[in-house]
N, C-alpha and C. Protein backbone atom coordinates (compact mmCIF):
# COMPACT_ATOMS: atom_id res chain seq x y z
N UNK A 1 -0.86 35.57 106.28
CA UNK A 1 -0.50 35.10 104.96
C UNK A 1 -0.05 33.63 104.99
N UNK A 2 0.75 33.26 106.01
CA UNK A 2 1.20 31.89 106.14
C UNK A 2 0.00 30.97 106.34
N UNK A 3 -0.97 31.44 107.10
CA UNK A 3 -2.17 30.65 107.37
C UNK A 3 -2.94 30.38 106.06
N UNK A 4 -3.07 31.38 105.22
CA UNK A 4 -3.79 31.23 103.95
C UNK A 4 -3.04 30.25 103.04
N UNK A 5 -1.73 30.37 102.97
CA UNK A 5 -0.94 29.47 102.15
C UNK A 5 -1.06 28.04 102.67
N UNK A 6 -1.03 27.88 103.97
CA UNK A 6 -1.15 26.56 104.59
C UNK A 6 -2.52 25.94 104.26
N UNK A 7 -3.58 26.75 104.36
CA UNK A 7 -4.94 26.26 104.06
C UNK A 7 -5.04 25.88 102.59
N UNK A 8 -4.48 26.71 101.72
CA UNK A 8 -4.50 26.39 100.29
C UNK A 8 -3.73 25.11 99.98
N UNK A 9 -2.59 24.92 100.60
CA UNK A 9 -1.78 23.72 100.38
C UNK A 9 -2.53 22.48 100.86
N UNK A 10 -3.14 22.55 102.04
CA UNK A 10 -3.91 21.42 102.56
C UNK A 10 -5.10 21.09 101.65
N UNK A 11 -5.76 22.13 101.18
CA UNK A 11 -6.89 21.92 100.26
C UNK A 11 -6.44 21.23 98.99
N UNK A 12 -5.31 21.65 98.47
CA UNK A 12 -4.76 21.05 97.26
C UNK A 12 -4.41 19.59 97.50
N UNK A 13 -3.79 19.30 98.61
CA UNK A 13 -3.42 17.92 98.95
C UNK A 13 -4.66 17.04 99.05
N UNK A 14 -5.70 17.52 99.74
CA UNK A 14 -6.93 16.75 99.88
C UNK A 14 -7.61 16.56 98.53
N UNK A 15 -7.59 17.57 97.69
CA UNK A 15 -8.22 17.46 96.36
C UNK A 15 -7.50 16.42 95.51
N UNK A 16 -6.17 16.45 95.52
CA UNK A 16 -5.39 15.50 94.74
C UNK A 16 -5.59 14.08 95.28
N UNK A 17 -5.59 13.92 96.58
CA UNK A 17 -5.79 12.60 97.18
C UNK A 17 -7.18 12.06 96.86
N UNK A 18 -8.18 12.91 96.92
CA UNK A 18 -9.55 12.49 96.61
C UNK A 18 -9.67 12.08 95.15
N UNK A 19 -9.06 12.84 94.25
CA UNK A 19 -9.09 12.54 92.83
C UNK A 19 -8.38 11.22 92.55
N UNK A 20 -7.25 10.97 93.18
CA UNK A 20 -6.50 9.73 92.98
C UNK A 20 -7.31 8.54 93.47
N UNK A 21 -8.01 8.70 94.60
CA UNK A 21 -8.81 7.61 95.14
C UNK A 21 -9.96 7.28 94.20
N UNK A 22 -10.66 8.28 93.68
CA UNK A 22 -11.79 8.02 92.80
C UNK A 22 -11.32 7.47 91.47
N UNK A 23 -10.14 7.84 91.01
CA UNK A 23 -9.63 7.35 89.74
C UNK A 23 -9.27 5.87 89.82
N UNK A 24 -8.82 5.41 91.00
CA UNK A 24 -8.43 4.02 91.13
C UNK A 24 -9.59 3.12 91.52
N UNK A 25 -10.70 3.69 91.93
CA UNK A 25 -11.86 2.89 92.31
C UNK A 25 -12.55 2.35 91.07
N UNK A 26 -12.94 1.09 91.15
CA UNK A 26 -13.63 0.47 90.03
C UNK A 26 -15.13 0.50 90.28
N UNK A 27 -15.88 0.70 89.21
CA UNK A 27 -17.33 0.63 89.31
C UNK A 27 -17.73 -0.84 89.43
N UNK A 28 -19.00 -1.07 89.77
CA UNK A 28 -19.50 -2.44 89.87
C UNK A 28 -19.35 -3.15 88.53
N UNK A 29 -19.71 -2.47 87.44
CA UNK A 29 -19.58 -3.09 86.12
C UNK A 29 -18.12 -3.43 85.81
N UNK A 30 -17.19 -2.55 86.14
CA UNK A 30 -15.78 -2.83 85.89
C UNK A 30 -15.31 -4.04 86.68
N UNK A 31 -15.76 -4.16 87.93
CA UNK A 31 -15.42 -5.33 88.74
C UNK A 31 -16.03 -6.60 88.14
N UNK A 32 -17.28 -6.50 87.68
CA UNK A 32 -17.95 -7.66 87.08
C UNK A 32 -17.24 -8.08 85.79
N UNK A 33 -16.80 -7.12 84.99
CA UNK A 33 -16.07 -7.44 83.76
C UNK A 33 -14.73 -8.08 84.10
N UNK A 34 -14.03 -7.55 85.09
CA UNK A 34 -12.75 -8.15 85.52
C UNK A 34 -12.98 -9.59 85.98
N UNK A 35 -14.07 -9.84 86.68
CA UNK A 35 -14.39 -11.20 87.10
C UNK A 35 -14.68 -12.09 85.89
N UNK A 36 -15.35 -11.54 84.88
CA UNK A 36 -15.64 -12.29 83.65
C UNK A 36 -14.34 -12.65 82.93
N UNK A 37 -13.38 -11.73 82.92
CA UNK A 37 -12.07 -12.02 82.31
C UNK A 37 -11.40 -13.17 83.05
N UNK A 38 -11.49 -13.16 84.38
CA UNK A 38 -10.92 -14.25 85.18
C UNK A 38 -11.57 -15.59 84.82
N UNK A 39 -12.89 -15.58 84.66
CA UNK A 39 -13.61 -16.81 84.28
C UNK A 39 -13.15 -17.27 82.89
N UNK A 40 -13.00 -16.33 81.98
CA UNK A 40 -12.51 -16.63 80.62
C UNK A 40 -11.14 -17.31 80.70
N UNK A 41 -10.22 -16.76 81.49
CA UNK A 41 -8.88 -17.34 81.62
C UNK A 41 -8.95 -18.75 82.22
N UNK A 42 -9.78 -18.92 83.23
CA UNK A 42 -9.95 -20.24 83.85
C UNK A 42 -10.51 -21.24 82.85
N UNK A 43 -11.49 -20.81 82.07
CA UNK A 43 -12.10 -21.69 81.07
C UNK A 43 -11.07 -22.11 80.01
N UNK A 44 -10.15 -21.20 79.66
CA UNK A 44 -9.11 -21.52 78.68
C UNK A 44 -8.15 -22.57 79.24
N UNK A 45 -7.72 -22.38 80.49
CA UNK A 45 -6.78 -23.32 81.11
C UNK A 45 -7.45 -24.68 81.33
N UNK A 46 -8.69 -24.67 81.80
CA UNK A 46 -9.39 -25.92 82.09
C UNK A 46 -9.98 -26.56 80.84
N UNK A 47 -9.96 -25.85 79.70
CA UNK A 47 -10.61 -26.32 78.47
C UNK A 47 -12.03 -26.79 78.80
N UNK A 48 -12.73 -25.93 79.52
CA UNK A 48 -14.08 -26.23 80.01
C UNK A 48 -15.12 -25.80 78.97
N UNK A 49 -15.62 -26.76 78.23
CA UNK A 49 -16.55 -26.48 77.14
C UNK A 49 -17.80 -25.74 77.62
N UNK A 50 -18.39 -26.20 78.70
CA UNK A 50 -19.61 -25.55 79.21
C UNK A 50 -19.35 -24.10 79.61
N UNK A 51 -18.23 -23.85 80.27
CA UNK A 51 -17.90 -22.49 80.70
C UNK A 51 -17.58 -21.61 79.49
N UNK A 52 -16.86 -22.14 78.52
CA UNK A 52 -16.55 -21.38 77.31
C UNK A 52 -17.84 -20.99 76.58
N UNK A 53 -18.76 -21.94 76.45
CA UNK A 53 -20.03 -21.64 75.78
C UNK A 53 -20.87 -20.65 76.56
N UNK A 54 -20.75 -20.69 77.88
CA UNK A 54 -21.52 -19.78 78.73
C UNK A 54 -21.02 -18.34 78.61
N UNK A 55 -19.70 -18.14 78.57
CA UNK A 55 -19.17 -16.77 78.56
C UNK A 55 -19.13 -16.16 77.17
N UNK A 56 -19.14 -16.97 76.13
CA UNK A 56 -19.05 -16.47 74.76
C UNK A 56 -20.44 -16.09 74.25
N UNK A 57 -20.55 -14.89 73.70
CA UNK A 57 -21.79 -14.46 73.07
C UNK A 57 -22.02 -15.30 71.81
N UNK A 58 -23.28 -15.52 71.44
CA UNK A 58 -23.54 -16.27 70.21
C UNK A 58 -22.88 -15.63 68.98
N UNK A 59 -22.72 -14.31 69.00
CA UNK A 59 -22.19 -13.57 67.85
C UNK A 59 -20.68 -13.36 67.91
N UNK A 60 -19.99 -14.05 68.79
CA UNK A 60 -18.57 -13.79 69.02
C UNK A 60 -17.75 -13.82 67.73
N UNK A 61 -16.80 -12.90 67.66
CA UNK A 61 -15.78 -12.88 66.62
C UNK A 61 -14.45 -12.99 67.37
N UNK A 62 -13.80 -14.14 67.26
CA UNK A 62 -12.62 -14.44 68.06
C UNK A 62 -11.38 -14.43 67.16
N UNK A 63 -10.60 -13.35 67.25
CA UNK A 63 -9.44 -13.17 66.40
C UNK A 63 -8.14 -13.54 67.09
N UNK A 64 -7.32 -14.30 66.37
CA UNK A 64 -6.01 -14.73 66.86
C UNK A 64 -4.92 -13.81 66.32
N UNK A 65 -3.76 -13.85 66.95
CA UNK A 65 -2.63 -13.02 66.50
C UNK A 65 -2.14 -13.46 65.12
N UNK A 66 -2.48 -14.66 64.71
CA UNK A 66 -2.09 -15.16 63.38
C UNK A 66 -2.98 -14.61 62.27
N UNK A 67 -4.10 -14.00 62.66
CA UNK A 67 -5.05 -13.48 61.68
C UNK A 67 -6.29 -14.35 61.55
N UNK A 68 -6.25 -15.57 62.09
CA UNK A 68 -7.41 -16.46 62.06
C UNK A 68 -8.54 -15.84 62.87
N UNK A 69 -9.75 -15.87 62.33
CA UNK A 69 -10.94 -15.38 63.03
C UNK A 69 -11.94 -16.52 63.10
N UNK A 70 -12.49 -16.74 64.32
CA UNK A 70 -13.40 -17.85 64.54
C UNK A 70 -14.75 -17.37 65.04
N UNK A 71 -15.79 -18.17 64.73
CA UNK A 71 -17.10 -17.95 65.33
C UNK A 71 -17.15 -18.74 66.64
N UNK A 72 -18.29 -18.77 67.28
CA UNK A 72 -18.39 -19.40 68.61
C UNK A 72 -18.04 -20.89 68.56
N UNK A 73 -18.61 -21.61 67.62
CA UNK A 73 -18.36 -23.05 67.56
C UNK A 73 -16.88 -23.34 67.33
N UNK A 74 -16.25 -22.61 66.42
CA UNK A 74 -14.83 -22.83 66.13
C UNK A 74 -13.95 -22.43 67.32
N UNK A 75 -14.31 -21.34 67.99
CA UNK A 75 -13.56 -20.90 69.18
C UNK A 75 -13.59 -21.98 70.25
N UNK A 76 -14.79 -22.44 70.61
CA UNK A 76 -14.92 -23.45 71.67
C UNK A 76 -14.22 -24.74 71.24
N UNK A 77 -14.46 -25.19 70.02
CA UNK A 77 -13.83 -26.40 69.53
C UNK A 77 -12.30 -26.27 69.53
N UNK A 78 -11.82 -25.09 69.16
CA UNK A 78 -10.39 -24.86 69.14
C UNK A 78 -9.75 -25.01 70.51
N UNK A 79 -10.37 -24.45 71.52
CA UNK A 79 -9.80 -24.55 72.87
C UNK A 79 -9.82 -26.01 73.33
N UNK A 80 -10.88 -26.73 72.99
CA UNK A 80 -11.02 -28.12 73.44
C UNK A 80 -10.10 -29.06 72.66
N UNK A 81 -9.96 -28.87 71.35
CA UNK A 81 -9.31 -29.87 70.49
C UNK A 81 -8.01 -29.44 69.83
N UNK A 82 -7.64 -28.16 69.86
CA UNK A 82 -6.39 -27.74 69.21
C UNK A 82 -5.18 -28.35 69.93
N UNK A 83 -4.05 -28.41 69.23
CA UNK A 83 -2.85 -28.97 69.86
C UNK A 83 -2.25 -28.07 70.93
N UNK A 84 -2.72 -26.82 71.03
CA UNK A 84 -2.22 -25.93 72.09
C UNK A 84 -3.03 -26.17 73.35
N UNK A 85 -2.32 -26.48 74.43
CA UNK A 85 -2.94 -26.72 75.73
C UNK A 85 -2.42 -25.66 76.70
N UNK A 86 -3.32 -24.80 77.16
CA UNK A 86 -2.94 -23.75 78.12
C UNK A 86 -2.76 -24.36 79.49
N UNK A 87 -1.58 -24.19 80.07
CA UNK A 87 -1.30 -24.69 81.41
C UNK A 87 -1.53 -23.60 82.45
N UNK A 88 -1.23 -22.36 82.06
CA UNK A 88 -1.45 -21.20 82.93
C UNK A 88 -2.01 -20.07 82.07
N UNK A 89 -2.62 -19.10 82.73
CA UNK A 89 -3.08 -17.89 82.05
C UNK A 89 -2.92 -16.74 83.02
N UNK A 90 -2.10 -15.78 82.64
CA UNK A 90 -1.81 -14.63 83.49
C UNK A 90 -2.10 -13.35 82.71
N UNK A 91 -2.88 -12.48 83.33
CA UNK A 91 -3.23 -11.21 82.72
C UNK A 91 -2.54 -10.10 83.50
N UNK A 92 -1.98 -9.12 82.77
CA UNK A 92 -1.36 -7.96 83.43
C UNK A 92 -1.68 -6.71 82.62
N UNK A 93 -1.39 -5.58 83.22
CA UNK A 93 -1.62 -4.27 82.58
C UNK A 93 -3.04 -4.15 82.04
N UNK A 94 -4.00 -4.63 82.82
CA UNK A 94 -5.38 -4.63 82.34
C UNK A 94 -6.03 -3.26 82.49
N UNK A 95 -6.72 -2.85 81.44
CA UNK A 95 -7.47 -1.60 81.43
C UNK A 95 -8.89 -1.94 81.01
N UNK A 96 -9.87 -1.50 81.80
CA UNK A 96 -11.27 -1.77 81.51
C UNK A 96 -11.99 -0.43 81.36
N UNK A 97 -12.75 -0.30 80.27
CA UNK A 97 -13.58 0.89 80.03
C UNK A 97 -14.99 0.40 79.74
N UNK A 98 -15.96 0.86 80.52
CA UNK A 98 -17.36 0.48 80.33
C UNK A 98 -18.09 1.66 79.72
N UNK A 99 -18.86 1.37 78.67
CA UNK A 99 -19.70 2.37 78.01
C UNK A 99 -21.08 1.72 77.81
N UNK A 100 -21.99 2.03 78.71
CA UNK A 100 -23.32 1.43 78.63
C UNK A 100 -23.25 -0.07 78.88
N UNK A 101 -23.76 -0.86 77.91
CA UNK A 101 -23.74 -2.31 78.07
C UNK A 101 -22.55 -2.96 77.35
N UNK A 102 -21.54 -2.15 77.04
CA UNK A 102 -20.34 -2.64 76.36
C UNK A 102 -19.11 -2.31 77.20
N UNK A 103 -18.18 -3.24 77.25
CA UNK A 103 -16.93 -3.02 77.97
C UNK A 103 -15.77 -3.38 77.07
N UNK A 104 -14.77 -2.52 77.06
CA UNK A 104 -13.53 -2.77 76.33
C UNK A 104 -12.45 -3.12 77.33
N UNK A 105 -11.75 -4.20 77.08
CA UNK A 105 -10.69 -4.65 77.97
C UNK A 105 -9.42 -4.82 77.14
N UNK A 106 -8.36 -4.19 77.58
CA UNK A 106 -7.04 -4.39 76.98
C UNK A 106 -6.13 -4.95 78.06
N UNK A 107 -5.34 -5.94 77.69
CA UNK A 107 -4.38 -6.49 78.65
C UNK A 107 -3.29 -7.28 77.93
N UNK A 108 -2.25 -7.57 78.68
CA UNK A 108 -1.21 -8.49 78.23
C UNK A 108 -1.57 -9.86 78.76
N UNK A 109 -1.51 -10.86 77.90
CA UNK A 109 -1.86 -12.23 78.25
C UNK A 109 -0.61 -13.09 78.10
N UNK A 110 -0.23 -13.73 79.20
CA UNK A 110 0.92 -14.64 79.18
C UNK A 110 0.44 -16.02 79.61
N UNK A 111 1.01 -17.02 78.96
CA UNK A 111 0.62 -18.38 79.28
C UNK A 111 1.78 -19.32 79.08
N UNK A 112 1.88 -20.26 79.98
CA UNK A 112 2.72 -21.44 79.76
C UNK A 112 1.79 -22.44 79.11
N UNK A 113 2.22 -23.01 78.01
CA UNK A 113 1.37 -23.92 77.27
C UNK A 113 2.22 -25.03 76.67
N UNK A 114 1.52 -25.97 76.07
CA UNK A 114 2.21 -26.95 75.24
C UNK A 114 1.56 -26.88 73.86
N UNK A 115 2.37 -27.09 72.84
CA UNK A 115 1.90 -27.12 71.46
C UNK A 115 2.36 -28.45 70.88
N UNK A 116 1.42 -29.35 70.65
CA UNK A 116 1.74 -30.72 70.26
C UNK A 116 2.69 -31.36 71.26
N UNK A 117 2.47 -31.07 72.55
CA UNK A 117 3.26 -31.66 73.62
C UNK A 117 4.57 -30.96 73.93
N UNK A 118 4.96 -29.98 73.10
CA UNK A 118 6.21 -29.26 73.33
C UNK A 118 5.93 -27.98 74.10
N UNK A 119 6.78 -27.65 75.08
CA UNK A 119 6.57 -26.43 75.85
C UNK A 119 6.54 -25.19 74.97
N UNK A 120 5.67 -24.27 75.32
CA UNK A 120 5.51 -23.04 74.55
C UNK A 120 5.14 -21.91 75.51
N UNK A 121 5.71 -20.75 75.27
CA UNK A 121 5.36 -19.55 76.03
C UNK A 121 4.57 -18.62 75.12
N UNK A 122 3.42 -18.17 75.60
CA UNK A 122 2.59 -17.24 74.86
C UNK A 122 2.67 -15.89 75.55
N UNK A 123 2.93 -14.85 74.79
CA UNK A 123 3.01 -13.49 75.32
C UNK A 123 2.42 -12.56 74.27
N UNK A 124 1.14 -12.23 74.45
CA UNK A 124 0.40 -11.42 73.47
C UNK A 124 -0.37 -10.33 74.18
N UNK A 125 -0.93 -9.44 73.41
CA UNK A 125 -1.87 -8.47 73.96
C UNK A 125 -3.23 -8.75 73.34
N UNK A 126 -4.26 -8.49 74.12
CA UNK A 126 -5.63 -8.74 73.69
C UNK A 126 -6.46 -7.48 73.80
N UNK A 127 -7.40 -7.37 72.89
CA UNK A 127 -8.51 -6.44 73.04
C UNK A 127 -9.75 -7.33 73.12
N UNK A 128 -10.44 -7.27 74.24
CA UNK A 128 -11.67 -8.02 74.44
C UNK A 128 -12.84 -7.05 74.46
N UNK A 129 -13.91 -7.41 73.79
CA UNK A 129 -15.13 -6.62 73.83
C UNK A 129 -16.19 -7.47 74.51
N UNK A 130 -16.70 -6.96 75.62
CA UNK A 130 -17.73 -7.66 76.38
C UNK A 130 -19.04 -6.89 76.24
N UNK A 131 -20.13 -7.63 76.21
CA UNK A 131 -21.45 -7.00 76.11
C UNK A 131 -22.35 -7.61 77.19
N UNK A 132 -23.08 -6.73 77.87
CA UNK A 132 -24.01 -7.22 78.88
C UNK A 132 -25.27 -7.71 78.17
N UNK A 133 -25.52 -9.00 78.27
CA UNK A 133 -26.68 -9.63 77.65
C UNK A 133 -27.48 -10.33 78.74
N UNK A 134 -28.73 -9.93 78.90
CA UNK A 134 -29.61 -10.51 79.93
C UNK A 134 -28.95 -10.51 81.30
N UNK A 135 -28.26 -9.40 81.61
CA UNK A 135 -27.65 -9.21 82.93
C UNK A 135 -26.30 -9.88 83.12
N UNK A 136 -25.76 -10.55 82.11
CA UNK A 136 -24.46 -11.20 82.22
C UNK A 136 -23.50 -10.66 81.17
N UNK A 137 -22.23 -10.52 81.54
CA UNK A 137 -21.21 -10.07 80.60
C UNK A 137 -20.79 -11.23 79.73
N UNK A 138 -20.91 -11.06 78.41
CA UNK A 138 -20.57 -12.07 77.42
C UNK A 138 -19.44 -11.55 76.54
N UNK A 139 -18.52 -12.44 76.19
CA UNK A 139 -17.42 -12.08 75.31
C UNK A 139 -17.95 -11.99 73.89
N UNK A 140 -17.97 -10.78 73.35
CA UNK A 140 -18.51 -10.51 72.02
C UNK A 140 -17.42 -10.55 70.96
N UNK A 141 -16.23 -10.09 71.32
CA UNK A 141 -15.12 -10.09 70.36
C UNK A 141 -13.79 -10.14 71.11
N UNK A 142 -12.83 -10.73 70.45
CA UNK A 142 -11.47 -10.76 70.98
C UNK A 142 -10.53 -10.65 69.80
N UNK A 143 -9.53 -9.78 69.92
CA UNK A 143 -8.48 -9.70 68.92
C UNK A 143 -7.15 -9.72 69.65
N UNK A 144 -6.34 -10.69 69.33
CA UNK A 144 -5.00 -10.80 69.90
C UNK A 144 -4.00 -10.24 68.90
N UNK A 145 -2.92 -9.72 69.43
CA UNK A 145 -1.83 -9.28 68.56
C UNK A 145 -0.51 -9.48 69.29
N UNK A 146 0.49 -9.78 68.47
CA UNK A 146 1.82 -10.04 69.03
C UNK A 146 2.43 -8.74 69.55
N UNK A 147 3.21 -8.88 70.58
CA UNK A 147 3.97 -7.74 71.09
C UNK A 147 5.13 -7.48 70.15
N UNK A 148 5.45 -6.22 69.91
CA UNK A 148 6.59 -5.92 69.02
C UNK A 148 7.89 -6.49 69.60
N UNK A 149 8.71 -7.00 68.71
CA UNK A 149 10.03 -7.50 69.12
C UNK A 149 10.96 -6.31 69.26
N UNK A 150 11.63 -6.20 70.40
CA UNK A 150 12.55 -5.06 70.56
C UNK A 150 13.67 -5.09 69.52
N UNK A 151 14.04 -3.92 69.06
CA UNK A 151 15.15 -3.82 68.10
C UNK A 151 16.45 -4.20 68.79
N UNK A 152 17.32 -4.89 68.06
CA UNK A 152 18.61 -5.26 68.67
C UNK A 152 19.42 -4.02 68.99
N UNK A 153 20.14 -4.09 70.08
CA UNK A 153 20.99 -2.96 70.46
C UNK A 153 22.43 -3.28 70.02
N UNK A 154 23.08 -2.25 69.59
CA UNK A 154 24.49 -2.42 69.13
C UNK A 154 25.45 -1.96 70.17
């Protein structure tokens, strides 16, 4: 009886370990999308017009936490010419879900920036929609939203 219980326990441990390993493994598409997000962040910090145009789909809908929505030309122009200058871009709590040629990415985006030369901290959450077009992941949509302000404690 002890032997059967021991075998069952070991089987359960191996099954749980195997499931945890497969759950944390990323598919090739998920890795490629994560790399595309990294390129997007680099393009934002570098204000790299060519890179921004390369990663953005022609049909992009780029939504800001303020409610402003931009097309591709306005998005690229905004990064290049707006008074906000991204000095850093840090992504955390990223979740990637791939469904066919579409990927949904949710993450927290933090940045040290300047706004008209004054220091500014950006702390928002994003929903990014990526679409595989001609073998490359393109940013099709982005919607940012502010993080809720914690209620004051008494």
